[in-house]
Amino acid sequence: MTSLQTVKALAALAHETRLAVFRMLVQAGPEGLTPSALAELLTIAASPLSFHLKELSHAGLIAARPDGRKIYYSAEFATMNALVAYLTENCCGGEACAVDAVPVGCCAP
């Protein structure tokens, strides 16, 4: 991941609603959620939700998958893992870190 991609991802996540949407999609797993399900779960109106989904998508953090008349959004786990890897690269001065950067059992590529 480049520094420019990192800045775009962090900028997209630097909003309370977008962070909540992204976390909800991470929890939903690869199957993802429809915008209507996201709106209901997070009590967000459709118009601002659409804007936030677009911002997360442009940052490469989520992807849309059409399924008939519905669109499912899901987290881009590879991008998420690359972002965490970029942020923790050379962590702890090259020594082993005391804490895992990614929770155990989370986000397999």
C-alpha atoms as a PDB file:
ATOM      1  CA  MET A   1       0.000   0.000   0.000  1.00  0.00           C
ATOM      2  CA  THR A   2       1.354   3.424  -0.914  1.00  0.00           C
ATOM      3  CA  SER A   3       1.310   6.444   1.342  1.00  0.00           C
ATOM      4  CA  LEU A   4      -1.302   8.067  -0.944  1.00  0.00           C
ATOM      5  CA  GLN A   5      -3.599   5.023  -0.665  1.00  0.00           C
ATOM      6  CA  THR A   6      -3.097   5.073   3.091  1.00  0.00           C
ATOM      7  CA  VAL A   7      -4.047   8.751   3.311  1.00  0.00           C
ATOM      8  CA  LYS A   8      -7.194   8.137   1.221  1.00  0.00           C
ATOM      9  CA  ALA A   9      -8.234   5.208   3.420  1.00  0.00           C
ATOM     10  CA  LEU A  10      -7.592   7.077   6.654  1.00  0.00           C
ATOM     11  CA  ALA A  11      -9.418  10.160   5.350  1.00  0.00           C
ATOM     12  CA  ALA A  12     -12.429   8.020   4.463  1.00  0.00           C
ATOM     13  CA  LEU A  13     -12.434   6.455   7.925  1.00  0.00           C
ATOM     14  CA  ALA A  14     -11.971   9.823   9.658  1.00  0.00           C
ATOM     15  CA  HIS A  15     -15.725  10.370   9.901  1.00  0.00           C
ATOM     16  CA  GLU A  16     -17.899   8.882  12.622  1.00  0.00           C
ATOM     17  CA  THR A  17     -20.595   7.584  10.257  1.00  0.00           C
ATOM     18  CA  ARG A  18     -18.179   6.122   7.714  1.00  0.00           C
ATOM     19  CA  LEU A  19     -16.228   4.434  10.470  1.00  0.00           C
ATOM     20  CA  ALA A  20     -19.466   2.931  11.815  1.00  0.00           C
ATOM     21  CA  VAL A  21     -20.477   1.741   8.324  1.00  0.00           C
ATOM     22  CA  PHE A  22     -17.064   0.189   7.712  1.00  0.00           C
ATOM     23  CA  ARG A  23     -17.033  -1.569  11.078  1.00  0.00           C
ATOM     24  CA  MET A  24     -20.537  -2.922  10.450  1.00  0.00           C
ATOM     25  CA  LEU A  25     -19.432  -4.284   7.073  1.00  0.00           C
ATOM     26  CA  VAL A  26     -16.359  -5.874   8.662  1.00  0.00           C
ATOM     27  CA  GLN A  27     -18.655  -7.572  11.179  1.00  0.00           C
ATOM     28  CA  ALA A  28     -20.978  -8.738   8.386  1.00  0.00           C
ATOM     29  CA  GLY A  29     -18.128 -10.579   6.686  1.00  0.00           C
ATOM     30  CA  PRO A  30     -17.750 -11.321   2.974  1.00  0.00           C
ATOM     31  CA  GLU A  31     -21.510 -11.660   2.429  1.00  0.00           C
ATOM     32  CA  GLY A  32     -21.925  -7.957   3.168  1.00  0.00           C
ATOM     33  CA  LEU A  33     -25.111  -5.995   3.700  1.00  0.00           C
ATOM     34  CA  THR A  34     -27.557  -4.069   1.560  1.00  0.00           C
ATOM     35  CA  PRO A  35     -27.818  -0.298   1.996  1.00  0.00           C
ATOM     36  CA  SER A  36     -31.282  -0.728   3.481  1.00  0.00           C
ATOM     37  CA  ALA A  37     -29.939  -3.154   6.101  1.00  0.00           C
ATOM     38  CA  LEU A  38     -27.073  -0.771   6.899  1.00  0.00           C
ATOM     39  CA  ALA A  39     -29.467   2.159   7.170  1.00  0.00           C
ATOM     40  CA  GLU A  40     -31.695   0.251   9.551  1.00  0.00           C
ATOM     41  CA  LEU A  41     -28.878  -1.119  11.704  1.00  0.00           C
ATOM     42  CA  LEU A  42     -27.131   2.242  11.997  1.00  0.00           C
ATOM     43  CA  THR A  43     -30.243   4.470  11.844  1.00  0.00           C
ATOM     44  CA  ILE A  44     -28.890   6.474   8.915  1.00  0.00           C
ATOM     45  CA  ALA A  45     -31.041   8.044   6.204  1.00  0.00           C
ATOM     46  CA  ALA A  46     -30.557   6.713   2.667  1.00  0.00           C
ATOM     47  CA  SER A  47     -29.141   9.905   1.135  1.00  0.00           C
ATOM     48  CA  PRO A  48     -26.230  10.451   3.533  1.00  0.00           C
ATOM     49  CA  LEU A  49     -25.587   6.700   3.624  1.00  0.00           C
ATOM     50  CA  SER A  50     -25.172   6.700  -0.158  1.00  0.00           C
ATOM     51  CA  PHE A  51     -22.597   9.494   0.119  1.00  0.00           C
ATOM     52  CA  HIS A  52     -20.655   7.632   2.810  1.00  0.00           C
ATOM     53  CA  LEU A  53     -20.708   4.370   0.832  1.00  0.00           C
ATOM     54  CA  LYS A  54     -19.316   6.234  -2.178  1.00  0.00           C
ATOM     55  CA  GLU A  55     -16.479   7.706  -0.109  1.00  0.00           C
ATOM     56  CA  LEU A  56     -15.548   4.318   1.350  1.00  0.00           C
ATOM     57  CA  SER A  57     -15.713   2.751  -2.099  1.00  0.00           C
ATOM     58  CA  HIS A  58     -13.465   5.423  -3.659  1.00  0.00           C
ATOM     59  CA  ALA A  59     -10.931   4.751  -0.911  1.00  0.00           C
ATOM     60  CA  GLY A  60     -10.961   1.048  -1.826  1.00  0.00           C
ATOM     61  CA  LEU A  61     -12.263   0.014   1.594  1.00  0.00           C
ATOM     62  CA  ILE A  62     -15.550  -1.497   0.409  1.00  0.00           C
ATOM     63  CA  ALA A  63     -16.921  -3.112  -2.740  1.00  0.00           C
ATOM     64  CA  ALA A  64     -20.407  -3.335  -4.199  1.00  0.00           C
ATOM     65  CA  ARG A  65     -21.790  -6.618  -5.511  1.00  0.00           C
ATOM     66  CA  PRO A  66     -25.050  -6.591  -7.484  1.00  0.00           C
ATOM     67  CA  ASP A  67     -27.412  -9.482  -6.813  1.00  0.00           C
ATOM     68  CA  GLY A  68     -30.580  -9.183  -8.825  1.00  0.00           C
ATOM     69  CA  ARG A  69     -32.298  -5.979  -7.771  1.00  0.00           C
ATOM     70  CA  LYS A  70     -30.180  -5.609  -4.647  1.00  0.00           C
ATOM     71  CA  ILE A  71     -26.646  -4.363  -4.116  1.00  0.00           C
ATOM     72  CA  TYR A  72     -24.547  -5.833  -1.341  1.00  0.00           C
ATOM     73  CA  TYR A  73     -21.648  -3.886   0.098  1.00  0.00           C
ATOM     74  CA  SER A  74     -18.810  -5.686   1.810  1.00  0.00           C
ATOM     75  CA  ALA A  75     -15.511  -4.703   3.350  1.00  0.00           C
ATOM     76  CA  GLU A  76     -12.395  -5.114   1.231  1.00  0.00           C
ATOM     77  CA  PHE A  77     -10.458  -7.210   3.734  1.00  0.00           C
ATOM     78  CA  ALA A  78      -7.286  -7.213   1.631  1.00  0.00           C
ATOM     79  CA  THR A  79      -7.245  -3.396   1.683  1.00  0.00           C
ATOM     80  CA  MET A  80      -8.002  -3.329   5.400  1.00  0.00           C
ATOM     81  CA  ASN A  81      -5.165  -5.763   6.116  1.00  0.00           C
ATOM     82  CA  ALA A  82      -2.795  -3.805   3.857  1.00  0.00           C
ATOM     83  CA  LEU A  83      -3.661  -0.614   5.740  1.00  0.00           C
ATOM     84  CA  VAL A  84      -2.957  -2.242   9.109  1.00  0.00           C
ATOM     85  CA  ALA A  85       0.278  -3.713   7.724  1.00  0.00           C
ATOM     86  CA  TYR A  86       1.368  -0.300   6.402  1.00  0.00           C
ATOM     87  CA  LEU A  87       0.629   1.368   9.736  1.00  0.00           C
ATOM     88  CA  THR A  88       2.490  -1.265  11.714  1.00  0.00           C
ATOM     89  CA  GLU A  89       5.422  -1.767   9.339  1.00  0.00           C
ATOM     90  CA  ASN A  90       8.665  -1.682  11.308  1.00  0.00           C
ATOM     91  CA  CYS A  91       6.630  -1.558  14.484  1.00  0.00           C
ATOM     92  CA  CYS A  92       8.511  -1.535  17.773  1.00  0.00           C
ATOM     93  CA  GLY A  93      11.843  -0.688  16.162  1.00  0.00           C
ATOM     94  CA  GLY A  94      12.087  -4.048  14.443  1.00  0.00           C
ATOM     95  CA  GLU A  95      11.521  -6.004  17.660  1.00  0.00           C
ATOM     96  CA  ALA A  96       8.616  -8.398  18.174  1.00  0.00           C
ATOM     97  CA  CYS A  97       5.484  -6.522  19.228  1.00  0.00           C
ATOM     98  CA  ALA A  98       3.896  -7.334  22.567  1.00  0.00           C
ATOM     99  CA  VAL A  99       0.397  -7.134  21.071  1.00  0.00           C
ATOM    100  CA  ASP A 100      -1.017  -8.630  17.867  1.00  0.00           C
ATOM    101  CA  ALA A 101      -2.029  -5.954  15.354  1.00  0.00           C
ATOM    102  CA  VAL A 102      -5.032  -7.980  14.122  1.00  0.00           C
ATOM    103  CA  PRO A 103      -7.379  -9.875  16.464  1.00  0.00           C
ATOM    104  CA  VAL A 104      -7.010 -13.652  16.300  1.00  0.00           C
ATOM    105  CA  GLY A 105      -9.420 -15.262  13.828  1.00  0.00           C
ATOM    106  CA  CYS A 106     -10.157 -11.995  12.063  1.00  0.00           C
ATOM    107  CA  CYS A 107     -10.072 -11.051   8.462  1.00  0.00           C
ATOM    108  CA  ALA A 108      -8.437 -13.940   6.652  1.00  0.00           C
ATOM    109  CA  PRO A 109      -7.435 -12.971   3.109  1.00  0.00           C
END
